[in-house]
Protein backbone atom coordinates (compact mmCIF):
# COMPACT_ATOMS: atom_id res chain seq x y z
CA MET A 1 18.26 0.69 54.02
CA LYS A 2 16.00 1.39 51.21
CA LYS A 3 13.74 -1.40 49.73
CA VAL A 4 13.05 -2.63 46.52
CA ILE A 5 9.89 -5.07 45.91
CA LEU A 6 9.87 -7.56 43.09
CA LYS A 7 6.76 -8.42 40.95
CA PRO A 8 5.07 -11.72 41.84
CA GLY A 9 6.90 -14.85 40.47
CA ARG A 10 10.00 -12.71 39.67
CA GLU A 11 11.92 -13.89 42.62
CA LYS A 12 12.52 -17.43 41.05
CA SER A 13 16.16 -16.56 39.49
CA LEU A 14 17.16 -14.79 42.92
CA LEU A 15 15.94 -18.24 44.58
CA ARG A 16 18.63 -19.97 42.47
CA ARG A 17 20.86 -17.27 43.42
CA HIS A 18 21.41 -15.64 40.19
CA PRO A 19 23.06 -12.15 40.89
CA TRP A 20 21.17 -9.89 38.33
CA VAL A 21 17.64 -8.30 38.61
CA PHE A 22 16.39 -6.63 35.39
CA SER A 23 14.45 -3.53 35.58
CA GLY A 24 11.33 -5.18 34.41
CA ALA A 25 11.22 -7.44 37.44
CA ILE A 26 10.80 -4.73 39.80
CA LEU A 27 7.26 -3.90 41.23
CA HIS A 28 8.07 -0.84 43.16
CA ASP A 29 11.14 1.14 44.58
CA ILE A 30 9.77 2.35 47.90
CA ASP A 31 12.40 5.19 47.95
CA GLN A 32 14.56 5.82 44.79
CA ALA A 33 18.10 4.70 45.66
CA GLY A 34 21.16 6.34 44.21
CA PRO A 35 23.73 4.82 41.99
CA GLY A 36 25.55 1.90 43.67
CA GLU A 37 23.68 2.35 47.06
CA THR A 38 22.92 -1.13 48.71
CA VAL A 39 19.46 -2.10 48.76
CA ARG A 40 17.23 -4.79 50.43
CA LEU A 41 15.41 -7.02 47.64
CA VAL A 42 12.21 -8.42 48.97
CA THR A 43 9.17 -10.32 47.58
CA GLU A 44 5.56 -8.77 47.33
CA LYS A 45 4.80 -10.42 50.86
CA GLY A 46 7.95 -8.62 52.29
CA GLU A 47 10.08 -11.60 52.41
CA PHE A 48 13.90 -10.98 52.19
CA LEU A 49 15.78 -12.22 49.08
CA ALA A 50 19.05 -10.40 49.01
CA TYR A 51 21.17 -7.30 49.27
CA GLY A 52 22.25 -5.69 46.19
CA ALA A 53 23.82 -2.56 44.58
CA TYR A 54 21.34 -0.18 42.88
CA SER A 55 21.97 0.90 39.37
CA PRO A 56 19.07 3.42 38.07
CA HIS A 57 20.72 3.75 34.59
CA SER A 58 20.99 0.01 33.67
CA GLN A 59 18.68 -2.65 32.50
CA ILE A 60 20.35 -4.65 35.02
CA ARG A 61 18.97 -2.77 37.80
CA ILE A 62 20.38 -4.51 40.82
CA ARG A 63 23.42 -6.76 41.14
CA THR A 64 23.41 -8.69 44.17
CA TRP A 65 25.92 -8.72 46.96
CA THR A 66 24.75 -11.39 49.27
CA PHE A 67 21.80 -13.65 49.90
CA ASN A 68 22.59 -13.79 53.52
CA GLN A 69 20.39 -11.63 55.64
CA ASP A 70 22.54 -11.30 58.36
CA GLU A 71 25.65 -10.37 56.29
CA ILE A 72 26.59 -6.56 56.11
CA VAL A 73 28.06 -5.12 52.96
CA ASP A 74 30.95 -3.27 54.44
CA ASP A 75 34.76 -3.30 54.33
CA ILE A 76 34.99 -6.46 56.17
CA PHE A 77 32.57 -7.93 53.52
CA PHE A 78 34.93 -6.99 50.72
CA ARG A 79 37.93 -8.28 52.66
CA ARG A 80 36.38 -11.75 52.98
CA ARG A 81 35.49 -11.82 49.38
CA ILE A 82 38.92 -10.98 48.08
CA GLU A 83 40.44 -13.28 50.70
CA ARG A 84 38.15 -16.22 49.39
CA ALA A 85 39.20 -15.34 45.83
CA MET A 86 42.91 -15.38 46.78
CA VAL A 87 42.36 -18.81 48.51
CA MET A 88 40.72 -20.22 45.17
CA ARG A 89 43.93 -19.07 43.27
CA ARG A 90 46.43 -20.15 45.94
CA ARG A 91 48.27 -22.55 43.64
CA LEU A 92 48.59 -19.79 40.97
CA ILE A 93 49.56 -17.22 43.59
CA GLU A 94 52.39 -19.51 44.85
CA SER A 95 53.58 -20.56 41.41
CA ASN A 96 57.11 -19.50 40.32
CA THR A 97 56.08 -19.81 36.72
CA THR A 98 53.06 -17.68 36.71
CA THR A 99 53.33 -13.92 37.71
CA ALA A 100 50.01 -12.52 35.66
CA TYR A 101 46.59 -13.83 36.67
CA ARG A 102 43.08 -12.90 37.37
CA LEU A 103 42.48 -12.28 41.13
CA ILE A 104 38.81 -11.54 41.03
CA ASN A 105 36.35 -12.39 38.33
CA ALA A 106 33.35 -10.26 38.91
CA GLU A 107 30.10 -11.91 39.59
CA SER A 108 31.70 -15.59 39.50
CA ASP A 109 33.83 -14.34 42.65
CA GLY A 110 30.76 -12.71 44.37
CA LEU A 111 31.85 -9.19 43.45
CA PRO A 112 29.70 -8.13 40.60
CA GLY A 113 31.16 -5.67 38.09
CA LEU A 114 34.74 -5.93 39.71
CA ILE A 115 37.49 -7.22 37.81
CA VAL A 116 41.08 -7.29 39.43
CA ASP A 117 44.22 -8.48 37.55
CA LYS A 118 47.80 -9.00 38.79
CA TYR A 119 50.86 -8.18 36.80
CA ALA A 120 53.92 -8.99 38.67
CA ASP A 121 54.00 -6.41 41.50
CA TYR A 122 51.16 -4.31 40.05
CA ILE A 123 47.26 -4.80 40.42
CA VAL A 124 44.83 -3.48 37.54
CA CYS A 125 41.27 -2.84 38.56
CA GLN A 126 38.29 -2.41 36.52
CA PHE A 127 34.96 -1.18 38.21
CA LEU A 128 32.41 -1.82 35.75
CA SER A 129 29.22 -1.46 37.75
CA SER A 130 27.59 1.20 40.03
CA GLY A 131 28.05 -0.89 42.82
CA ALA A 132 31.66 -1.46 42.33
CA GLU A 133 32.21 2.20 41.76
CA PHE A 134 30.24 2.88 44.97
CA PHE A 135 32.70 0.85 47.05
CA LYS A 136 35.78 1.68 45.08
CA GLN A 137 37.80 2.99 47.89
CA PRO A 138 37.08 0.28 50.41
CA ILE A 139 38.06 -2.25 47.67
CA VAL A 140 41.42 -0.56 47.11
CA ASN A 141 42.19 -0.41 50.76
CA GLN A 142 41.65 -4.05 51.20
CA LEU A 143 43.87 -4.94 48.19
CA ARG A 144 46.26 -2.84 49.49
CA SER A 145 46.20 -4.55 52.77
CA LEU A 146 46.12 -8.05 51.75
CA ILE A 147 48.58 -7.95 48.79
CA GLU A 148 50.89 -4.98 49.29
CA PRO A 149 51.41 -4.27 45.65
CA ALA A 150 53.97 -1.60 44.15
CA GLY A 151 50.91 0.03 42.72
CA ILE A 152 47.31 -0.22 41.92
CA PHE A 153 46.08 1.10 38.43
CA GLU A 154 42.56 1.66 37.26
CA ARG A 155 41.36 0.50 33.73
CA SER A 156 37.68 1.20 33.79
CA ASP A 157 37.56 2.15 30.17
CA THR A 158 35.06 -0.31 28.73
CA GLU A 159 31.85 0.15 27.13
CA ALA A 160 30.19 -1.46 30.17
CA ARG A 161 30.66 1.66 32.17
CA LYS A 162 28.45 3.49 29.98
CA LYS A 163 25.58 1.22 30.23
CA GLU A 164 25.78 2.06 33.96
CA GLY A 165 25.81 5.65 33.47
CA LEU A 166 29.42 5.81 34.47
CA ALA A 167 32.26 8.01 32.93
CA ILE A 168 35.31 6.28 31.43
CA THR A 169 38.23 6.49 33.98
CA THR A 170 41.63 5.47 34.08
CA GLY A 171 44.67 6.23 36.31
CA PRO A 172 46.65 5.28 39.45
CA LEU A 173 44.76 4.49 42.52
CA TYR A 174 47.57 3.70 44.89
CA GLY A 175 51.17 3.63 45.16
CA ASN A 176 53.60 3.92 42.12
CA GLU A 177 52.28 4.46 38.49
CA PRO A 178 53.20 1.37 36.61
CA PRO A 179 56.13 1.77 33.91
CA GLU A 180 55.31 1.68 30.09
CA THR A 181 55.72 -2.07 30.20
CA ILE A 182 55.90 -4.65 32.77
CA ILE A 183 57.65 -8.02 32.28
CA VAL A 184 55.34 -10.98 33.46
CA GLU A 185 55.97 -14.64 33.01
CA GLN A 186 53.49 -17.48 32.21
CA SER A 187 54.53 -21.17 32.06
CA GLY A 188 58.20 -20.17 31.52
CA ILE A 189 57.49 -17.54 28.72
CA ARG A 190 58.31 -13.90 29.36
CA PHE A 191 55.92 -11.10 28.16
CA LEU A 192 56.06 -7.35 27.99
CA VAL A 193 52.63 -5.95 29.02
CA ASN A 194 51.38 -2.43 28.85
CA ILE A 195 48.82 -2.16 31.63
CA ARG A 196 48.20 1.51 31.00
CA GLN A 197 46.82 1.04 27.73
CA GLY A 198 46.98 -2.48 26.40
CA HIS A 199 43.87 -4.44 25.43
CA LYS A 200 41.56 -5.55 28.25
CA THR A 201 43.94 -4.74 31.36
CA GLY A 202 47.10 -5.51 29.54
CA MET A 203 47.12 -9.03 27.99
CA TYR A 204 44.62 -11.85 27.53
CA LEU A 205 45.00 -13.60 30.73
CA ASP A 206 42.21 -16.04 30.09
CA GLN A 207 44.20 -17.68 27.04
CA ARG A 208 47.22 -18.61 29.69
CA GLU A 209 46.53 -22.47 29.40
CA ASN A 210 45.41 -22.45 25.93
CA ARG A 211 48.69 -21.20 24.77
CA ASN A 212 50.10 -24.61 26.10
CA VAL A 213 48.03 -26.37 23.50
CA ILE A 214 50.03 -24.51 20.78
CA LEU A 215 53.27 -25.27 22.44
CA LYS A 216 52.69 -28.75 22.38
CA ASN A 217 51.47 -28.84 18.72
CA ALA A 218 53.80 -26.59 17.02
CA LYS A 219 56.99 -28.60 16.51
CA ASP A 220 58.53 -27.87 13.03
CA ALA A 221 55.14 -26.35 11.99
CA LYS A 222 54.57 -23.32 9.76
CA VAL A 223 52.27 -21.54 11.91
CA LEU A 224 49.58 -18.77 11.04
CA ASN A 225 48.58 -16.55 14.10
CA CYS A 226 45.49 -14.30 13.24
CA PHE A 227 44.75 -11.35 15.53
CA ALA A 228 48.06 -11.78 17.04
CA TYR A 229 48.13 -8.79 19.37
CA THR A 230 51.40 -8.83 21.10
CA GLY A 231 52.23 -12.38 20.03
CA ALA A 232 51.27 -14.58 23.30
CA PHE A 233 50.36 -17.49 20.96
CA THR A 234 53.52 -16.83 18.67
CA MET A 235 55.75 -17.19 21.78
CA ALA A 236 54.29 -20.38 22.74
CA ALA A 237 54.55 -21.64 19.05
CA LEU A 238 58.38 -20.81 19.20
CA CYS A 239 58.75 -22.36 22.40
CA GLY A 240 57.21 -25.46 21.08
CA GLY A 241 59.60 -25.53 18.04
CA ALA A 242 57.62 -23.98 15.31
CA GLU A 243 59.77 -23.64 12.07
CA ARG A 244 58.02 -20.34 11.13
CA VAL A 245 55.24 -18.14 12.49
CA ILE A 246 53.28 -15.68 10.48
CA ASN A 247 51.43 -12.92 12.53
CA ILE A 248 48.62 -10.88 11.41
CA GLU A 249 48.00 -7.74 13.27
CA SER A 250 46.23 -4.51 12.38
CA SER A 251 48.51 -2.04 14.47
CA ALA A 252 52.13 -1.47 13.62
CA ASP A 253 52.91 -0.50 17.18
CA ILE A 254 51.61 -3.91 18.53
CA ILE A 255 53.79 -5.61 15.74
CA ASN A 256 56.70 -3.97 17.45
CA MET A 257 55.74 -5.54 20.69
CA ILE A 258 55.86 -8.87 18.91
CA VAL A 259 59.36 -8.12 18.07
CA LYS A 260 60.09 -7.28 21.41
CA ASN A 261 58.58 -10.30 23.20
CA THR A 262 60.37 -12.49 20.59
CA GLU A 263 63.74 -10.96 21.45
CA LEU A 264 62.93 -10.98 25.23
CA ASN A 265 62.47 -14.77 25.21
CA GLY A 266 65.75 -15.13 23.15
CA TYR A 267 63.97 -16.46 19.94
CA ASP A 268 65.44 -15.60 16.46
CA VAL A 269 63.21 -12.88 14.87
CA SER A 270 63.89 -14.39 11.36
CA ARG A 271 61.46 -17.20 12.34
CA LEU A 272 58.68 -14.57 12.32
CA VAL A 273 56.73 -12.83 9.38
CA ASN A 274 54.61 -9.80 10.59
CA ILE A 275 51.95 -8.74 8.35
CA GLN A 276 50.07 -5.55 9.19
CA GLY A 277 46.55 -5.74 7.85
CA ASP A 278 42.99 -7.08 8.21
CA ALA A 279 42.77 -10.77 9.05
CA PHE A 280 39.77 -11.43 6.82
CA GLN A 281 41.55 -9.62 3.83
CA VAL A 282 44.87 -11.37 4.28
CA LEU A 283 43.58 -14.88 4.87
CA ARG A 284 41.62 -14.38 1.54
CA GLU A 285 44.60 -13.27 -0.21
CA TYR A 286 46.56 -16.50 1.29
CA ARG A 287 43.75 -18.49 -0.01
CA ASP A 288 43.72 -17.30 -3.42
CA ARG A 289 47.69 -17.51 -3.53
CA GLY A 290 47.47 -21.20 -2.54
CA GLU A 291 49.33 -20.59 0.77
CA ARG A 292 49.33 -23.70 3.30
CA PHE A 293 49.87 -23.96 6.89
CA ASP A 294 50.36 -26.69 9.49
CA LEU A 295 48.69 -24.83 12.24
CA VAL A 296 46.21 -21.95 12.29
CA VAL A 297 45.18 -19.89 15.28
CA LEU A 298 42.06 -17.71 15.28
CA ASP A 299 41.47 -15.76 18.40
CA PRO A 300 39.34 -12.75 16.98
CA PRO A 301 37.83 -9.88 19.10
CA LYS A 302 34.23 -10.30 20.08
CA PHE A 303 31.97 -10.54 17.09
CA ILE A 304 28.62 -10.38 19.20
CA HIS A 305 27.90 -7.83 21.82
CA SER A 306 24.08 -8.41 22.06
CA ALA A 307 21.50 -10.96 21.27
CA GLN A 308 20.45 -8.84 18.24
CA GLN A 309 23.99 -9.31 16.75
CA LEU A 310 23.98 -13.08 17.05
CA GLN A 311 23.12 -13.96 13.44
CA ARG A 312 25.49 -11.65 11.96
CA GLY A 313 28.27 -12.56 14.23
CA CYS A 314 27.61 -16.29 13.50
CA ARG A 315 28.28 -15.46 10.02
CA GLY A 316 31.60 -13.75 10.75
CA TYR A 317 32.81 -16.72 12.76
CA LYS A 318 31.74 -18.93 9.99
CA ASP A 319 33.33 -16.98 7.27
CA ILE A 320 36.78 -16.59 8.79
CA ASN A 321 37.02 -20.31 10.15
CA MET A 322 35.82 -21.41 6.51
CA VAL A 323 38.85 -19.63 4.80
CA ALA A 324 41.25 -20.72 7.64
CA MET A 325 40.30 -24.25 6.89
CA LYS A 326 41.20 -23.97 3.22
CA LEU A 327 44.79 -22.81 4.11
CA LEU A 328 45.45 -25.88 6.29
CA ASN A 329 47.52 -28.95 5.23
CA LYS A 330 46.23 -32.57 5.41
CA ASN A 331 46.62 -33.48 9.10
CA GLY A 332 46.91 -29.68 10.03
CA GLN A 333 45.20 -28.29 12.98
CA LEU A 334 42.91 -25.35 13.44
CA VAL A 335 42.77 -23.68 17.03
CA THR A 336 39.76 -21.48 16.93
CA PHE A 337 38.06 -19.39 19.67
CA SER A 338 35.18 -17.05 20.37
CA CYS A 339 34.86 -14.90 23.49
CA SER A 340 31.26 -13.94 22.55
CA GLY A 341 29.21 -14.73 25.65
CA HIS A 342 26.01 -14.69 23.62
CA LEU A 343 27.38 -17.59 21.41
CA SER A 344 26.69 -20.75 23.38
CA PRO A 345 29.22 -23.60 23.06
CA GLU A 346 26.83 -25.81 21.16
CA LEU A 347 26.27 -23.08 18.61
CA PHE A 348 29.75 -22.34 18.16
CA GLN A 349 30.67 -25.99 17.55
CA LYS A 350 27.86 -25.87 14.71
CA VAL A 351 29.13 -22.85 13.13
CA ILE A 352 32.68 -24.36 13.04
CA ALA A 353 30.74 -27.47 11.48
CA ASP A 354 29.14 -25.67 8.73
CA ALA A 355 32.48 -23.69 8.00
CA ALA A 356 34.21 -27.14 7.41
CA LEU A 357 31.34 -28.26 5.26
CA ASP A 358 31.54 -24.88 3.24
CA ALA A 359 35.33 -25.27 2.92
CA GLY A 360 35.01 -28.85 1.59
CA ARG A 361 37.16 -30.22 4.30
CA SER A 362 36.55 -33.00 6.93
CA ALA A 363 37.68 -32.16 10.42
CA SER A 364 37.43 -33.77 13.85
CA ILE A 365 37.41 -32.11 17.39
CA VAL A 366 40.47 -33.32 19.25
CA SER A 367 40.27 -30.84 22.15
CA VAL A 368 37.68 -28.50 23.75
CA LEU A 369 39.12 -25.44 25.29
CA GLY A 370 37.83 -22.68 27.71
CA GLN A 371 38.80 -20.61 30.79
CA PRO A 372 41.56 -21.19 32.86
CA PRO A 373 40.91 -21.64 36.80
CA ASP A 374 41.60 -18.08 37.70
CA HIS A 375 38.70 -17.22 35.48
CA PRO A 376 36.10 -19.55 37.31
CA VAL A 377 32.40 -19.72 36.28
CA ALA A 378 30.06 -19.69 39.18
CA LEU A 379 27.23 -22.32 38.85
CA ASN A 380 24.64 -19.71 39.61
CA PHE A 381 26.02 -17.42 37.04
CA PRO A 382 26.62 -19.52 33.69
CA GLU A 383 27.09 -16.12 31.68
CA GLY A 384 30.65 -16.05 33.31
CA GLY A 385 31.48 -18.92 30.99
CA TYR A 386 32.30 -16.79 27.78
CA LEU A 387 35.45 -18.12 26.10
CA LYS A 388 34.92 -21.19 23.91
CA GLY A 389 37.71 -23.07 21.79
CA LEU A 390 38.17 -26.01 19.60
CA VAL A 391 41.23 -27.88 18.38
CA CYS A 392 40.21 -29.38 15.08
CA TYR A 393 42.34 -32.04 13.18
CA MET A 394 41.96 -31.61 9.45
CA ASP A 395 41.84 -34.69 7.42
């Protein structure tokens, strides 16, 4: 096995079992390893640190598989890691009300660069690192053996692949190719999901439990759902007894999915108003017209993709939350999220506080929201905690 030597003092993060080694921490590669090849990480004195996957094109040069010198990274290794992830999610797996959930959450499940989501009888995988790509077939083989799905579909179509020097790729890996849409259920609500082309791997699984917050607070409310996508928050609001839900979504095809999901759950589509447009622009138009709502949901796409974009992204979050607050009735609620990992929970709360100040509104945080149990955050990998949410009560 090829060996990688770290610079003196750069082993500290590995001793804390952080799974990433950046290129600047490496003193010497004894032999240049190929993409995804397993290497032995050692200190300058030759002391063992970890085994990891080598990525010559990425700033994250090595993603560690194991800190156990006696553990071999092979088919059995991946079987054990997948089984461990399944045990952690056993209650979800055995639940009759949840048929869509995340099975493997990359670094936080000890499998860097690997995302595995389950939608009813189908599995969707993303191989986002050189190491995950290198072991793609053994991983697929173990998923087939342990889960016996109708099919396994690949959605390795994110920008993360490019940083690893990997090509974008999608398509079936095993079994039947999934139909255009699959019906899944979460907390008694059914959804049509397009796992072949939908956002992420088909739907926003990380918001499953947060949708229950909307359900519990929507009775008789006039709800504004911004960045609505296929209407998961909308279904929760309708299930909770919302009087009307206004959806803002930029895609006409996606709006059609909102209508189909409404009909699938037996709700009257006359309770919906679907607006195709840019959420920033529509919110300002509503503000200028004096529109008011009882509940506003803001779940925008990631505004911050790098540390260099932090200041600009914060301005975006502040702007849209400020306008949303101006649209809320007294005693109304703002449910607002950020999925930007570079934005800390403390800074996110400060941005929302600044938005309230500029909006001239007094608000109180009544709930702090985050990721569900199937999106765990390993203690040695705090970067895995990307989703932040606040429920704000408006005075």
